Amino acid sequence: MNLTISGHHLEVTPALREFVTSKLARVAKRFDQLIDVRVVLGLENTKEKQGRQTAECTMLLKGGDIHIKTAHEDLYAAVDEMVDKLDRQVVRFKDKLKEHDHQAHKKTISA
């Protein structure tokens, strides 16, 4: 798995990089067919504080890709929210692959 973490209008510190890496390890453990993961952490220049910090992730998988974007007033909370959404999407993607494989297996047995 290739992991790229970059910042948009902010510097990615080693502590922040380690936090993102440790959180994404949970998703990588669940699904082993990850090809590439790109994370962009950003700071939006808006007057309202609620959606200023953004975390965006594009995950390239064998058979498709997943894109998640979250915004929060705290960057660490935005990363947590992004990883939770990413985890749910990976589970759904994995279930679809299993069901598709299971249906193909049924067709070959009955034919």
Protein backbone atom coordinates (compact mmCIF):
# COMPACT_ATOMS: atom_id res chain seq x y z
CA MET A 1 0.00 0.00 0.00
CA ASN A 2 1.33 3.40 -0.99
CA LEU A 3 0.37 6.13 1.47
CA THR A 4 0.69 9.81 0.58
CA ILE A 5 -0.17 12.46 3.18
CA SER A 6 -0.07 16.10 2.11
CA GLY A 7 -1.29 19.42 3.43
CA HIS A 8 -3.23 22.18 1.74
CA HIS A 9 -2.54 25.57 3.38
CA LEU A 10 -0.95 23.85 6.38
CA GLU A 11 2.20 21.96 7.24
CA VAL A 12 1.84 18.27 8.08
CA THR A 13 3.78 17.71 11.29
CA PRO A 14 5.32 14.32 12.18
CA ALA A 15 2.77 13.93 15.00
CA LEU A 16 -0.12 14.53 12.60
CA ARG A 17 1.42 12.16 10.05
CA GLU A 18 1.74 9.45 12.73
CA PHE A 19 -1.87 10.01 13.85
CA VAL A 20 -3.21 9.59 10.30
CA THR A 21 -1.01 6.54 9.68
CA SER A 22 -2.16 4.82 12.88
CA LYS A 23 -5.82 5.50 12.09
CA LEU A 24 -5.50 4.21 8.52
CA ALA A 25 -3.84 1.02 9.77
CA ARG A 26 -7.27 -0.03 11.08
CA VAL A 27 -8.73 0.21 7.58
CA ALA A 28 -5.72 -1.49 5.99
CA LYS A 29 -6.11 -4.40 8.41
CA ARG A 30 -9.73 -4.89 7.34
CA PHE A 31 -9.06 -5.00 3.57
CA ASP A 32 -5.76 -6.17 2.15
CA GLN A 33 -6.26 -5.24 -1.52
CA LEU A 34 -5.33 -1.57 -1.13
CA ILE A 35 -3.26 -0.15 -3.96
CA ASP A 36 -2.86 3.53 -3.15
CA VAL A 37 -4.11 5.87 -0.41
CA ARG A 38 -3.89 9.65 -0.76
CA VAL A 39 -4.79 11.88 2.19
CA VAL A 40 -5.02 15.66 1.89
CA LEU A 41 -5.37 17.65 5.10
CA GLY A 42 -6.46 21.22 4.59
CA LEU A 43 -7.36 24.50 6.15
CA GLU A 44 -10.21 26.36 4.44
CA ASN A 45 -10.14 30.12 4.56
CA THR A 46 -13.69 30.79 5.75
CA LYS A 47 -15.04 33.04 8.48
CA GLU A 48 -17.09 30.35 10.19
CA LYS A 49 -15.10 28.04 12.45
CA GLN A 50 -17.18 24.89 12.16
CA GLY A 51 -15.99 23.54 8.82
CA ARG A 52 -12.53 25.03 8.59
CA GLN A 53 -10.34 21.94 8.98
CA THR A 54 -10.80 19.37 6.21
CA ALA A 55 -9.59 15.82 5.74
CA GLU A 56 -9.91 14.22 2.33
CA CYS A 57 -8.97 10.68 1.33
CA THR A 58 -8.90 8.88 -2.00
CA MET A 59 -8.36 5.15 -1.73
CA LEU A 60 -7.62 3.11 -4.84
CA LEU A 61 -8.70 -0.49 -4.40
CA LYS A 62 -8.54 -3.52 -6.60
CA GLY A 63 -11.87 -3.21 -8.42
CA GLY A 64 -12.73 0.41 -7.67
CA ASP A 65 -11.96 3.48 -5.62
CA ILE A 66 -13.40 5.31 -2.63
CA HIS A 67 -13.35 9.07 -2.00
CA ILE A 68 -14.23 10.64 1.37
CA LYS A 69 -14.16 14.29 2.45
CA THR A 70 -14.97 15.59 5.93
CA ALA A 71 -14.81 18.97 7.63
CA HIS A 72 -14.67 19.85 11.31
CA GLU A 73 -13.43 22.65 13.56
CA ASP A 74 -10.63 20.37 14.85
CA LEU A 75 -8.28 18.61 12.40
CA TYR A 76 -7.90 15.49 14.55
CA ALA A 77 -11.70 15.16 14.78
CA ALA A 78 -11.93 15.58 11.00
CA VAL A 79 -9.41 12.75 10.54
CA ASP A 80 -11.34 10.53 12.99
CA GLU A 81 -14.58 11.20 11.13
CA MET A 82 -12.90 10.53 7.77
CA VAL A 83 -11.49 7.18 8.96
CA ASP A 84 -14.89 6.13 10.37
CA LYS A 85 -16.58 6.89 7.04
CA LEU A 86 -13.77 5.18 5.17
CA ASP A 87 -14.09 2.09 7.33
CA ARG A 88 -17.83 1.85 6.62
CA GLN A 89 -17.26 2.28 2.87
CA VAL A 90 -14.55 -0.40 2.82
CA VAL A 91 -16.87 -2.84 4.62
CA ARG A 92 -19.63 -2.14 2.07
CA PHE A 93 -17.18 -2.55 -0.81
CA LYS A 94 -15.91 -5.83 0.63
CA ASP A 95 -19.47 -7.14 1.11
CA LYS A 96 -20.31 -6.31 -2.51
CA LEU A 97 -17.25 -8.21 -3.69
CA LYS A 98 -18.19 -11.26 -1.59
CA GLU A 99 -21.79 -11.22 -2.79
CA HIS A 100 -20.74 -10.83 -6.42
CA ASP A 101 -18.30 -13.74 -6.06
CA HIS A 102 -20.93 -15.84 -4.29
CA GLN A 103 -23.50 -15.26 -7.05
CA ALA A 104 -20.97 -16.14 -9.75
CA HIS A 105 -20.21 -19.36 -7.89
CA LYS A 106 -23.93 -20.25 -7.70
CA LYS A 107 -24.33 -19.75 -11.47
CA THR A 108 -21.44 -22.08 -12.29
CA ILE A 109 -22.77 -24.81 -9.99
CA SER A 110 -26.35 -24.68 -11.31
CA ALA A 111 -25.32 -24.47 -14.98
